[in-house]
Amino acid sequence: MGLWYRRNGEVITLTLHVQPGAKRSEIAGLHGEALKIRLAAPPIDGRANEALLKYVGGLFDVPLRQVELKQGGQSRHKVVAITGSWVAPESLLTDK
């Protein structure tokens, strides 16, 4: 099990390092003990956070209401909780 996520019942908690303003949204591998995500949205008026939650929801195949930003609203280092997904977090790191 990686240090960048925890599963507690049906809640998956991710530790993320987010890089806003990228060309496209994508997973960029691990960054220390966090999953690095490049995000196409700019870090303006909360747009990057909103885009991040939608992106993570898509990765885990859950609606936006089941994805919650727990920590890091103004930071690149964020903690996000996903409820009710059966997607294995480690599957996000499969070689492309």
C-alpha atoms as a PDB file:
ATOM      1  CA  MET A   1       0.000   0.000   0.000  1.00  0.00           C
ATOM      2  CA  GLY A   2       1.282   3.433  -0.923  1.00  0.00           C
ATOM      3  CA  LEU A   3       1.683   6.239   1.577  1.00  0.00           C
ATOM      4  CA  TRP A   4      -0.213   8.609  -0.739  1.00  0.00           C
ATOM      5  CA  TYR A   5      -3.623   7.045  -0.082  1.00  0.00           C
ATOM      6  CA  ARG A   6      -5.631   5.386   2.680  1.00  0.00           C
ATOM      7  CA  ARG A   7      -8.832   3.374   2.490  1.00  0.00           C
ATOM      8  CA  ASN A   8     -11.138   3.380   5.491  1.00  0.00           C
ATOM      9  CA  GLY A   9     -14.330   1.470   4.738  1.00  0.00           C
ATOM     10  CA  GLU A  10     -15.782   3.077   1.633  1.00  0.00           C
ATOM     11  CA  VAL A  11     -13.758   6.297   1.964  1.00  0.00           C
ATOM     12  CA  ILE A  12     -10.477   6.695   0.077  1.00  0.00           C
ATOM     13  CA  THR A  13      -8.267   9.581   1.206  1.00  0.00           C
ATOM     14  CA  LEU A  14      -5.622  10.817  -1.234  1.00  0.00           C
ATOM     15  CA  THR A  15      -2.599  13.004  -0.541  1.00  0.00           C
ATOM     16  CA  LEU A  16      -1.992  15.063  -3.681  1.00  0.00           C
ATOM     17  CA  HIS A  17       0.599  17.456  -5.055  1.00  0.00           C
ATOM     18  CA  VAL A  18      -1.204  19.575  -7.641  1.00  0.00           C
ATOM     19  CA  GLN A  19       0.418  21.564 -10.438  1.00  0.00           C
ATOM     20  CA  PRO A  20      -2.193  23.941 -11.930  1.00  0.00           C
ATOM     21  CA  GLY A  21      -1.859  25.643 -15.309  1.00  0.00           C
ATOM     22  CA  ALA A  22      -0.603  22.545 -17.153  1.00  0.00           C
ATOM     23  CA  LYS A  23      -1.338  21.848 -20.828  1.00  0.00           C
ATOM     24  CA  ARG A  24      -3.697  19.029 -19.868  1.00  0.00           C
ATOM     25  CA  SER A  25      -4.938  17.286 -16.746  1.00  0.00           C
ATOM     26  CA  GLU A  26      -3.027  14.084 -16.056  1.00  0.00           C
ATOM     27  CA  ILE A  27      -1.409  11.979 -13.365  1.00  0.00           C
ATOM     28  CA  ALA A  28       2.327  12.675 -13.254  1.00  0.00           C
ATOM     29  CA  GLY A  29       3.396   9.848 -10.921  1.00  0.00           C
ATOM     30  CA  LEU A  30       4.496  10.153  -7.324  1.00  0.00           C
ATOM     31  CA  HIS A  31       5.985  13.260  -5.724  1.00  0.00           C
ATOM     32  CA  GLY A  32       7.436  12.181  -2.389  1.00  0.00           C
ATOM     33  CA  GLU A  33       4.503  10.732  -0.420  1.00  0.00           C
ATOM     34  CA  ALA A  34       1.885  12.359  -2.657  1.00  0.00           C
ATOM     35  CA  LEU A  35       0.307  11.582  -6.018  1.00  0.00           C
ATOM     36  CA  LYS A  36       1.247  14.372  -8.438  1.00  0.00           C
ATOM     37  CA  ILE A  37      -1.530  15.643 -10.676  1.00  0.00           C
ATOM     38  CA  ARG A  38      -1.011  18.179 -13.438  1.00  0.00           C
ATOM     39  CA  LEU A  39      -4.168  20.234 -13.866  1.00  0.00           C
ATOM     40  CA  ALA A  40      -5.184  22.193 -16.961  1.00  0.00           C
ATOM     41  CA  ALA A  41      -7.146  24.763 -14.919  1.00  0.00           C
ATOM     42  CA  PRO A  42      -5.510  28.004 -13.744  1.00  0.00           C
ATOM     43  CA  PRO A  43      -5.142  28.643  -9.995  1.00  0.00           C
ATOM     44  CA  ILE A  44      -7.644  31.543 -10.090  1.00  0.00           C
ATOM     45  CA  ASP A  45     -10.841  31.984  -8.024  1.00  0.00           C
ATOM     46  CA  GLY A  46     -10.931  28.348  -6.914  1.00  0.00           C
ATOM     47  CA  ARG A  47     -11.166  27.078 -10.503  1.00  0.00           C
ATOM     48  CA  ALA A  48      -8.241  24.687 -10.065  1.00  0.00           C
ATOM     49  CA  ASN A  49      -9.823  23.149  -6.942  1.00  0.00           C
ATOM     50  CA  GLU A  50     -13.142  22.700  -8.747  1.00  0.00           C
ATOM     51  CA  ALA A  51     -11.394  21.151 -11.764  1.00  0.00           C
ATOM     52  CA  LEU A  52      -9.356  18.892  -9.458  1.00  0.00           C
ATOM     53  CA  LEU A  53     -12.458  17.521  -7.732  1.00  0.00           C
ATOM     54  CA  LYS A  54     -14.128  16.849 -11.100  1.00  0.00           C
ATOM     55  CA  TYR A  55     -10.954  15.168 -12.416  1.00  0.00           C
ATOM     56  CA  VAL A  56     -10.561  12.970  -9.320  1.00  0.00           C
ATOM     57  CA  GLY A  57     -14.267  12.081  -9.457  1.00  0.00           C
ATOM     58  CA  GLY A  58     -13.768  10.933 -13.051  1.00  0.00           C
ATOM     59  CA  LEU A  59     -10.714   8.853 -12.128  1.00  0.00           C
ATOM     60  CA  PHE A  60     -12.661   7.109  -9.384  1.00  0.00           C
ATOM     61  CA  ASP A  61     -15.939   6.902 -11.341  1.00  0.00           C
ATOM     62  CA  VAL A  62     -18.032   8.777  -8.759  1.00  0.00           C
ATOM     63  CA  PRO A  63     -20.212  11.915  -8.983  1.00  0.00           C
ATOM     64  CA  LEU A  64     -18.761  15.233  -7.843  1.00  0.00           C
ATOM     65  CA  ARG A  65     -20.843  15.177  -4.634  1.00  0.00           C
ATOM     66  CA  GLN A  66     -18.787  12.164  -3.460  1.00  0.00           C
ATOM     67  CA  VAL A  67     -15.440  13.998  -3.750  1.00  0.00           C
ATOM     68  CA  GLU A  68     -14.441  16.423  -1.002  1.00  0.00           C
ATOM     69  CA  LEU A  69     -11.421  18.690  -0.548  1.00  0.00           C
ATOM     70  CA  LYS A  70     -10.373  18.094   3.078  1.00  0.00           C
ATOM     71  CA  GLN A  71      -7.173  20.176   3.261  1.00  0.00           C
ATOM     72  CA  GLY A  72      -5.124  22.518   1.110  1.00  0.00           C
ATOM     73  CA  GLY A  73      -7.617  24.901  -0.502  1.00  0.00           C
ATOM     74  CA  GLN A  74      -4.881  27.500  -1.080  1.00  0.00           C
ATOM     75  CA  SER A  75      -1.952  25.097  -1.390  1.00  0.00           C
ATOM     76  CA  ARG A  76      -0.453  22.739  -3.963  1.00  0.00           C
ATOM     77  CA  HIS A  77      -0.469  20.051  -1.256  1.00  0.00           C
ATOM     78  CA  LYS A  78      -4.049  18.796  -0.899  1.00  0.00           C
ATOM     79  CA  VAL A  79      -5.981  16.025   0.805  1.00  0.00           C
ATOM     80  CA  VAL A  80      -9.077  14.764  -1.009  1.00  0.00           C
ATOM     81  CA  ALA A  81     -11.641  12.196   0.197  1.00  0.00           C
ATOM     82  CA  ILE A  82     -13.636  10.023  -2.214  1.00  0.00           C
ATOM     83  CA  THR A  83     -16.674   8.100  -0.968  1.00  0.00           C
ATOM     84  CA  GLY A  84     -18.176   5.005  -2.534  1.00  0.00           C
ATOM     85  CA  SER A  85     -15.595   4.167  -5.212  1.00  0.00           C
ATOM     86  CA  TRP A  86     -14.296   0.666  -5.806  1.00  0.00           C
ATOM     87  CA  VAL A  87     -11.495   1.822  -8.109  1.00  0.00           C
ATOM     88  CA  ALA A  88      -8.150   0.779  -6.603  1.00  0.00           C
ATOM     89  CA  PRO A  89      -5.961   3.881  -6.102  1.00  0.00           C
ATOM     90  CA  GLU A  90      -2.817   1.978  -7.109  1.00  0.00           C
ATOM     91  CA  SER A  91      -4.419   1.321 -10.528  1.00  0.00           C
ATOM     92  CA  LEU A  92      -3.939   5.032 -11.297  1.00  0.00           C
ATOM     93  CA  LEU A  93      -0.187   4.457 -11.453  1.00  0.00           C
ATOM     94  CA  THR A  94      -0.189   1.728 -14.086  1.00  0.00           C
ATOM     95  CA  ASP A  95       2.372   2.273 -16.821  1.00  0.00           C
ATOM     96  CA  LYS A  96       0.947   4.105 -19.784  1.00  0.00           C
END
